[in-house]
Amino acid sequence: MSTPSDFERVGEARLRQIIDEFVAEMVGDTMIGYFFATTDTAKLAQHEYQFTARALGAQLAYEGKPIRRAHAGHRIMGGQFARRAWILRQTFERHGVDADIVGRLMAHIEKLRPLVTAQPGSSCLSGDDGGPLISSWAPADGDDSAQ
């Protein structure tokens, strides 16, 4: 008897539900949702399902564009890449997917970072002007004005 793949452990119906929730949350997200303003979300969900199912070990076709080409028209920053990954992780965890499966999937996603963004970390700094897009302000000692 062979060991079941991560895809088999999650299950097709459960994965479809996870991906549908993930896509809905991602397209509605304040930080990254605008990337999907003109996207056919049903098609996006199908490609996300195919991509994720294959990453989990399913033997099915991926009909989307290659990852680098799919993201080439967007200036995706490291923090935006990290936000998508965080939403994906949270969605899997809400559905009670085993931590070992989630960990392997997230490691796979992280390996794809160079195909999506030139930023190696999770910064949201623009490469053109060096200015922060998200403030990293922290109050000085004794300054409780942010509370």
N, C-alpha and C. Protein backbone atom coordinates (compact mmCIF):
# COMPACT_ATOMS: atom_id res chain seq x y z
N MET A 1 0.84 -1.19 0.00
CA MET A 1 0.00 0.00 0.00
C MET A 1 0.88 1.24 0.00
N SER A 2 0.60 2.17 -0.91
CA SER A 2 1.42 3.36 -1.01
C SER A 2 0.91 4.45 -0.07
N THR A 3 1.81 5.35 0.26
CA THR A 3 1.47 6.48 1.11
C THR A 3 0.64 7.47 0.31
N PRO A 4 -0.47 7.95 0.85
CA PRO A 4 -1.29 8.90 0.11
C PRO A 4 -0.57 10.24 -0.08
N SER A 5 -0.81 10.87 -1.22
CA SER A 5 -0.22 12.19 -1.48
C SER A 5 -0.90 13.23 -0.59
N ASP A 6 -0.29 14.38 -0.49
CA ASP A 6 -0.92 15.47 0.27
C ASP A 6 -2.27 15.83 -0.35
N PHE A 7 -2.37 15.76 -1.67
CA PHE A 7 -3.64 16.03 -2.34
C PHE A 7 -4.69 15.02 -1.89
N GLU A 8 -4.34 13.76 -1.84
CA GLU A 8 -5.28 12.72 -1.40
C GLU A 8 -5.67 12.92 0.05
N ARG A 9 -4.73 13.36 0.86
CA ARG A 9 -5.02 13.59 2.27
C ARG A 9 -5.98 14.76 2.46
N VAL A 10 -5.83 15.81 1.65
CA VAL A 10 -6.73 16.96 1.75
C VAL A 10 -8.07 16.62 1.12
N GLY A 11 -8.05 16.02 -0.04
CA GLY A 11 -9.27 15.65 -0.75
C GLY A 11 -9.69 16.71 -1.75
N GLU A 12 -10.21 16.25 -2.88
CA GLU A 12 -10.59 17.17 -3.96
C GLU A 12 -11.65 18.17 -3.54
N ALA A 13 -12.74 17.71 -2.95
CA ALA A 13 -13.84 18.61 -2.57
C ALA A 13 -13.39 19.63 -1.52
N ARG A 14 -12.62 19.17 -0.56
CA ARG A 14 -12.13 20.06 0.50
C ARG A 14 -11.18 21.10 -0.09
N LEU A 15 -10.30 20.67 -1.00
CA LEU A 15 -9.37 21.61 -1.62
C LEU A 15 -10.12 22.65 -2.45
N ARG A 16 -11.13 22.24 -3.17
CA ARG A 16 -11.92 23.20 -3.95
C ARG A 16 -12.55 24.25 -3.04
N GLN A 17 -13.08 23.81 -1.90
CA GLN A 17 -13.68 24.75 -0.94
C GLN A 17 -12.63 25.70 -0.39
N ILE A 18 -11.47 25.17 -0.04
CA ILE A 18 -10.37 26.00 0.48
C ILE A 18 -9.98 27.04 -0.56
N ILE A 19 -9.79 26.61 -1.80
CA ILE A 19 -9.36 27.53 -2.85
C ILE A 19 -10.43 28.57 -3.15
N ASP A 20 -11.68 28.17 -3.17
CA ASP A 20 -12.75 29.15 -3.40
C ASP A 20 -12.75 30.23 -2.32
N GLU A 21 -12.58 29.83 -1.06
CA GLU A 21 -12.52 30.80 0.04
C GLU A 21 -11.27 31.66 -0.07
N PHE A 22 -10.15 31.04 -0.40
CA PHE A 22 -8.89 31.75 -0.56
C PHE A 22 -9.01 32.83 -1.64
N VAL A 23 -9.54 32.47 -2.79
CA VAL A 23 -9.67 33.43 -3.89
C VAL A 23 -10.61 34.57 -3.49
N ALA A 24 -11.72 34.26 -2.86
CA ALA A 24 -12.65 35.30 -2.42
C ALA A 24 -11.97 36.27 -1.45
N GLU A 25 -11.21 35.73 -0.53
CA GLU A 25 -10.51 36.58 0.44
C GLU A 25 -9.41 37.39 -0.24
N MET A 26 -8.68 36.76 -1.13
CA MET A 26 -7.57 37.42 -1.81
C MET A 26 -8.06 38.59 -2.67
N VAL A 27 -9.11 38.38 -3.46
CA VAL A 27 -9.58 39.45 -4.35
C VAL A 27 -10.24 40.59 -3.56
N GLY A 28 -10.70 40.31 -2.35
CA GLY A 28 -11.29 41.34 -1.51
C GLY A 28 -10.31 41.99 -0.56
N ASP A 29 -9.07 41.56 -0.58
CA ASP A 29 -8.07 42.05 0.36
C ASP A 29 -7.62 43.47 0.02
N THR A 30 -7.51 44.31 1.03
CA THR A 30 -7.10 45.70 0.85
C THR A 30 -5.71 45.83 0.24
N MET A 31 -4.80 44.97 0.64
CA MET A 31 -3.41 45.10 0.21
C MET A 31 -3.15 44.55 -1.20
N ILE A 32 -3.83 43.47 -1.57
CA ILE A 32 -3.54 42.85 -2.86
C ILE A 32 -4.75 42.70 -3.78
N GLY A 33 -5.93 42.96 -3.28
CA GLY A 33 -7.13 42.75 -4.08
C GLY A 33 -7.19 43.53 -5.37
N TYR A 34 -6.60 44.73 -5.39
CA TYR A 34 -6.65 45.55 -6.59
C TYR A 34 -5.99 44.89 -7.78
N PHE A 35 -5.06 43.96 -7.54
CA PHE A 35 -4.43 43.24 -8.65
C PHE A 35 -5.46 42.44 -9.45
N PHE A 36 -6.58 42.11 -8.83
CA PHE A 36 -7.57 41.23 -9.42
C PHE A 36 -8.85 41.95 -9.83
N ALA A 37 -8.81 43.28 -9.89
CA ALA A 37 -10.01 44.08 -10.17
C ALA A 37 -10.69 43.71 -11.48
N THR A 38 -9.93 43.35 -12.48
CA THR A 38 -10.51 43.01 -13.79
C THR A 38 -10.36 41.53 -14.12
N THR A 39 -10.06 40.73 -13.13
CA THR A 39 -9.81 39.30 -13.34
C THR A 39 -11.11 38.50 -13.26
N ASP A 40 -11.23 37.53 -14.13
CA ASP A 40 -12.33 36.57 -14.08
C ASP A 40 -12.03 35.66 -12.88
N THR A 41 -12.75 35.87 -11.78
CA THR A 41 -12.43 35.14 -10.55
C THR A 41 -12.72 33.64 -10.64
N ALA A 42 -13.68 33.25 -11.47
CA ALA A 42 -13.94 31.81 -11.65
C ALA A 42 -12.74 31.14 -12.33
N LYS A 43 -12.19 31.82 -13.32
CA LYS A 43 -11.01 31.30 -14.02
C LYS A 43 -9.80 31.30 -13.08
N LEU A 44 -9.66 32.37 -12.31
CA LEU A 44 -8.58 32.46 -11.33
C LEU A 44 -8.68 31.31 -10.33
N ALA A 45 -9.87 31.06 -9.82
CA ALA A 45 -10.06 29.98 -8.85
C ALA A 45 -9.72 28.63 -9.47
N GLN A 46 -10.08 28.42 -10.73
CA GLN A 46 -9.75 27.16 -11.39
C GLN A 46 -8.24 26.99 -11.52
N HIS A 47 -7.54 28.05 -11.92
CA HIS A 47 -6.09 27.98 -12.04
C HIS A 47 -5.42 27.80 -10.68
N GLU A 48 -5.92 28.51 -9.66
CA GLU A 48 -5.38 28.34 -8.31
C GLU A 48 -5.59 26.91 -7.83
N TYR A 49 -6.75 26.35 -8.12
CA TYR A 49 -7.02 24.97 -7.74
C TYR A 49 -6.04 24.03 -8.44
N GLN A 50 -5.90 24.16 -9.74
CA GLN A 50 -5.00 23.29 -10.50
C GLN A 50 -3.56 23.41 -9.98
N PHE A 51 -3.12 24.65 -9.79
CA PHE A 51 -1.77 24.90 -9.32
C PHE A 51 -1.54 24.27 -7.95
N THR A 52 -2.46 24.50 -7.04
CA THR A 52 -2.31 23.99 -5.67
C THR A 52 -2.44 22.47 -5.64
N ALA A 53 -3.38 21.93 -6.38
CA ALA A 53 -3.54 20.47 -6.43
C ALA A 53 -2.27 19.81 -6.92
N ARG A 54 -1.67 20.37 -7.96
CA ARG A 54 -0.40 19.80 -8.48
C ARG A 54 0.71 19.92 -7.43
N ALA A 55 0.76 21.06 -6.74
CA ALA A 55 1.78 21.25 -5.70
C ALA A 55 1.61 20.22 -4.58
N LEU A 56 0.36 19.78 -4.38
CA LEU A 56 0.08 18.79 -3.34
C LEU A 56 0.19 17.35 -3.86
N GLY A 57 0.53 17.19 -5.12
CA GLY A 57 0.77 15.85 -5.65
C GLY A 57 -0.28 15.28 -6.57
N ALA A 58 -1.27 16.06 -6.95
CA ALA A 58 -2.30 15.57 -7.88
C ALA A 58 -1.72 15.47 -9.28
N GLN A 59 -2.19 14.51 -10.00
CA GLN A 59 -1.77 14.33 -11.39
C GLN A 59 -2.84 14.93 -12.30
N LEU A 60 -2.82 16.23 -12.46
CA LEU A 60 -3.77 16.90 -13.34
C LEU A 60 -3.08 18.05 -14.05
N ALA A 61 -3.69 18.51 -15.11
CA ALA A 61 -3.09 19.57 -15.92
C ALA A 61 -3.27 20.93 -15.25
N TYR A 62 -2.27 21.77 -15.43
CA TYR A 62 -2.36 23.18 -15.04
C TYR A 62 -2.54 23.97 -16.33
N GLU A 63 -3.65 24.66 -16.46
CA GLU A 63 -4.00 25.36 -17.69
C GLU A 63 -3.69 26.85 -17.66
N GLY A 64 -3.13 27.33 -16.55
CA GLY A 64 -2.80 28.75 -16.45
C GLY A 64 -1.49 29.08 -17.13
N LYS A 65 -1.17 30.36 -17.14
CA LYS A 65 0.10 30.82 -17.71
C LYS A 65 1.23 30.37 -16.79
N PRO A 66 2.44 30.25 -17.33
CA PRO A 66 3.59 30.01 -16.45
C PRO A 66 3.67 31.13 -15.40
N ILE A 67 4.11 30.79 -14.22
CA ILE A 67 4.08 31.72 -13.08
C ILE A 67 4.76 33.05 -13.39
N ARG A 68 5.95 33.02 -13.95
CA ARG A 68 6.67 34.27 -14.23
C ARG A 68 5.86 35.13 -15.21
N ARG A 69 5.35 34.54 -16.26
CA ARG A 69 4.61 35.29 -17.26
C ARG A 69 3.29 35.82 -16.70
N ALA A 70 2.64 35.05 -15.86
CA ALA A 70 1.36 35.47 -15.28
C ALA A 70 1.51 36.71 -14.41
N HIS A 71 2.68 36.90 -13.83
CA HIS A 71 2.89 38.01 -12.90
C HIS A 71 3.75 39.13 -13.46
N ALA A 72 4.24 38.96 -14.67
CA ALA A 72 5.19 39.91 -15.26
C ALA A 72 4.63 41.32 -15.42
N GLY A 73 3.35 41.45 -15.64
CA GLY A 73 2.76 42.77 -15.85
C GLY A 73 2.46 43.54 -14.59
N HIS A 74 2.78 42.97 -13.45
CA HIS A 74 2.48 43.60 -12.17
C HIS A 74 3.76 43.90 -11.41
N ARG A 75 3.78 44.99 -10.69
CA ARG A 75 4.92 45.31 -9.82
C ARG A 75 4.58 44.76 -8.44
N ILE A 76 4.80 43.48 -8.25
CA ILE A 76 4.47 42.83 -6.99
C ILE A 76 5.66 42.95 -6.06
N MET A 77 5.40 43.49 -4.90
CA MET A 77 6.46 43.67 -3.90
C MET A 77 6.48 42.49 -2.94
N GLY A 78 7.56 42.38 -2.22
CA GLY A 78 7.74 41.26 -1.31
C GLY A 78 6.63 41.12 -0.29
N GLY A 79 6.17 42.25 0.23
CA GLY A 79 5.09 42.23 1.21
C GLY A 79 3.78 41.75 0.61
N GLN A 80 3.56 42.08 -0.65
CA GLN A 80 2.35 41.62 -1.32
C GLN A 80 2.41 40.13 -1.60
N PHE A 81 3.58 39.64 -1.97
CA PHE A 81 3.77 38.20 -2.13
C PHE A 81 3.51 37.50 -0.80
N ALA A 82 4.07 38.06 0.27
CA ALA A 82 3.89 37.48 1.61
C ALA A 82 2.42 37.53 2.04
N ARG A 83 1.72 38.58 1.66
CA ARG A 83 0.30 38.70 2.04
C ARG A 83 -0.52 37.59 1.39
N ARG A 84 -0.28 37.32 0.10
CA ARG A 84 -0.99 36.24 -0.57
C ARG A 84 -0.70 34.91 0.12
N ALA A 85 0.57 34.69 0.44
CA ALA A 85 0.95 33.44 1.11
C ALA A 85 0.28 33.33 2.48
N TRP A 86 0.21 34.44 3.21
CA TRP A 86 -0.43 34.44 4.53
C TRP A 86 -1.91 34.09 4.41
N ILE A 87 -2.59 34.69 3.42
CA ILE A 87 -4.01 34.40 3.22
C ILE A 87 -4.20 32.92 2.90
N LEU A 88 -3.34 32.38 2.05
CA LEU A 88 -3.42 30.96 1.70
C LEU A 88 -3.22 30.09 2.93
N ARG A 89 -2.18 30.38 3.70
CA ARG A 89 -1.91 29.61 4.93
C ARG A 89 -3.10 29.66 5.89
N GLN A 90 -3.61 30.86 6.12
CA GLN A 90 -4.73 31.01 7.05
C GLN A 90 -5.96 30.22 6.59
N THR A 91 -6.19 30.22 5.29
CA THR A 91 -7.34 29.49 4.76
C THR A 91 -7.17 27.99 4.96
N PHE A 92 -6.00 27.48 4.68
CA PHE A 92 -5.74 26.05 4.92
C PHE A 92 -5.88 25.71 6.40
N GLU A 93 -5.35 26.56 7.26
CA GLU A 93 -5.42 26.30 8.70
C GLU A 93 -6.85 26.36 9.22
N ARG A 94 -7.66 27.29 8.72
CA ARG A 94 -9.07 27.36 9.13
C ARG A 94 -9.81 26.07 8.80
N HIS A 95 -9.37 25.40 7.77
CA HIS A 95 -10.00 24.14 7.36
C HIS A 95 -9.37 22.93 8.04
N GLY A 96 -8.47 23.16 8.98
CA GLY A 96 -7.89 22.08 9.75
C GLY A 96 -6.95 21.17 8.97
N VAL A 97 -6.35 21.67 7.91
CA VAL A 97 -5.39 20.87 7.15
C VAL A 97 -4.15 20.66 8.01
N ASP A 98 -3.65 19.44 7.99
CA ASP A 98 -2.48 19.08 8.82
C ASP A 98 -1.31 20.04 8.58
N ALA A 99 -0.64 20.39 9.65
CA ALA A 99 0.46 21.35 9.60
C ALA A 99 1.58 20.89 8.67
N ASP A 100 1.83 19.59 8.59
CA ASP A 100 2.91 19.13 7.72
C ASP A 100 2.59 19.41 6.25
N ILE A 101 1.34 19.27 5.87
CA ILE A 101 0.92 19.56 4.49
C ILE A 101 1.04 21.05 4.21
N VAL A 102 0.52 21.85 5.12
CA VAL A 102 0.58 23.30 4.96
C VAL A 102 2.04 23.76 4.87
N GLY A 103 2.89 23.21 5.70
CA GLY A 103 4.30 23.58 5.69
C GLY A 103 4.97 23.26 4.36
N ARG A 104 4.70 22.09 3.81
CA ARG A 104 5.28 21.74 2.51
C ARG A 104 4.75 22.65 1.40
N LEU A 105 3.47 22.95 1.44
CA LEU A 105 2.89 23.82 0.43
C LEU A 105 3.51 25.22 0.51
N MET A 106 3.63 25.74 1.71
CA MET A 106 4.17 27.09 1.87
C MET A 106 5.65 27.14 1.47
N ALA A 107 6.40 26.08 1.73
CA ALA A 107 7.79 26.03 1.28
C ALA A 107 7.86 26.05 -0.24
N HIS A 108 6.94 25.34 -0.89
CA HIS A 108 6.88 25.34 -2.35
C HIS A 108 6.56 26.75 -2.87
N ILE A 109 5.59 27.41 -2.26
CA ILE A 109 5.21 28.77 -2.65
C ILE A 109 6.41 29.71 -2.51
N GLU A 110 7.12 29.59 -1.42
CA GLU A 110 8.28 30.46 -1.18
C GLU A 110 9.36 30.25 -2.24
N LYS A 111 9.53 29.04 -2.73
CA LYS A 111 10.53 28.78 -3.78
C LYS A 111 10.18 29.51 -5.07
N LEU A 112 8.91 29.85 -5.24
CA LEU A 112 8.47 30.54 -6.45
C LEU A 112 8.61 32.06 -6.36
N ARG A 113 8.98 32.57 -5.19
CA ARG A 113 9.10 34.02 -4.98
C ARG A 113 9.87 34.72 -6.10
N PRO A 114 11.06 34.21 -6.52
CA PRO A 114 11.81 34.92 -7.56
C PRO A 114 11.09 35.01 -8.91
N LEU A 115 10.10 34.17 -9.13
CA LEU A 115 9.33 34.21 -10.37
C LEU A 115 8.21 35.25 -10.32
N VAL A 116 7.92 35.73 -9.12
CA VAL A 116 6.79 36.64 -8.91
C VAL A 116 7.25 38.04 -8.56
N THR A 117 8.28 38.15 -7.75
CA THR A 117 8.77 39.45 -7.29
C THR A 117 10.29 39.44 -7.23
N ALA A 118 10.87 40.60 -7.47
CA ALA A 118 12.32 40.74 -7.39
C ALA A 118 12.78 40.93 -5.95
N GLN A 119 11.85 41.17 -5.03
CA GLN A 119 12.22 41.40 -3.64
C GLN A 119 12.34 40.08 -2.90
N PRO A 120 13.50 39.82 -2.32
CA PRO A 120 13.71 38.55 -1.63
C PRO A 120 13.00 38.44 -0.28
N GLY A 121 12.64 39.56 0.31
CA GLY A 121 12.01 39.53 1.63
C GLY A 121 10.56 39.96 1.54
N SER A 122 10.01 40.35 2.68
CA SER A 122 8.60 40.73 2.74
C SER A 122 8.42 42.23 2.89
N SER A 123 9.38 42.98 2.43
CA SER A 123 9.32 44.43 2.50
C SER A 123 8.29 44.97 1.52
N CYS A 124 7.77 46.12 1.83
CA CYS A 124 6.88 46.83 0.90
C CYS A 124 7.53 48.16 0.56
N LEU A 125 8.78 48.09 0.18
CA LEU A 125 9.49 49.28 -0.26
C LEU A 125 9.57 49.27 -1.76
N SER A 126 9.33 50.41 -2.36
CA SER A 126 9.42 50.52 -3.81
C SER A 126 10.87 50.54 -4.21
N GLY A 127 11.22 49.79 -5.21
CA GLY A 127 12.59 49.75 -5.71
C GLY A 127 12.97 51.00 -6.46
N ASP A 128 11.98 51.76 -6.95
CA ASP A 128 12.27 52.94 -7.76
C ASP A 128 12.65 54.15 -6.92
N ASP A 129 11.90 54.40 -5.86
CA ASP A 129 12.16 55.62 -5.10
C ASP A 129 12.63 55.35 -3.68
N GLY A 130 12.65 54.10 -3.27
CA GLY A 130 13.11 53.75 -1.94
C GLY A 130 12.16 54.13 -0.83
N GLY A 131 11.02 54.73 -1.18
CA GLY A 131 10.09 55.18 -0.16
C GLY A 131 9.21 54.06 0.35
N PRO A 132 8.86 54.10 1.62
CA PRO A 132 7.99 53.05 2.17
C PRO A 132 6.56 53.18 1.67
N LEU A 133 5.98 52.08 1.32
CA LEU A 133 4.58 52.07 0.93
C LEU A 133 3.71 51.73 2.12
N ILE A 134 4.30 51.08 3.08
CA ILE A 134 3.61 50.80 4.33
C ILE A 134 4.54 51.28 5.42
N SER A 135 4.03 52.08 6.29
CA SER A 135 4.85 52.69 7.33
C SER A 135 5.39 51.64 8.29
N SER A 136 6.65 51.79 8.63
CA SER A 136 7.24 50.91 9.64
C SER A 136 7.43 51.70 10.94
N TRP A 137 6.64 52.74 11.11
CA TRP A 137 6.75 53.60 12.29
C TRP A 137 6.49 52.80 13.55
N ALA A 138 7.30 53.05 14.52
CA ALA A 138 7.11 52.47 15.85
C ALA A 138 7.31 53.60 16.85
N PRO A 139 6.48 53.65 17.87
CA PRO A 139 6.61 54.73 18.86
C PRO A 139 7.92 54.63 19.63
N ALA A 140 8.46 55.79 19.96
CA ALA A 140 9.68 55.83 20.77
C ALA A 140 9.33 55.41 22.20
N ASP A 141 10.33 55.02 22.95
CA ASP A 141 10.11 54.63 24.34
C ASP A 141 9.36 55.74 25.07
N GLY A 142 8.33 55.34 25.76
CA GLY A 142 7.56 56.30 26.54
C GLY A 142 6.48 57.01 25.74
N ASP A 143 6.47 56.85 24.42
CA ASP A 143 5.45 57.49 23.58
C ASP A 143 4.29 56.51 23.40
N ASP A 144 3.20 56.83 24.06
CA ASP A 144 2.04 55.94 23.96
C ASP A 144 0.94 56.55 23.11
N SER A 145 1.29 57.52 22.26
CA SER A 145 0.29 58.21 21.46
C SER A 145 -0.36 57.31 20.43
N ALA A 146 0.27 56.18 20.11
CA ALA A 146 -0.29 55.27 19.11
C ALA A 146 -1.31 54.32 19.72
N GLN A 147 -1.47 54.38 21.04
CA GLN A 147 -2.37 53.43 21.70
C GLN A 147 -3.77 53.98 21.82
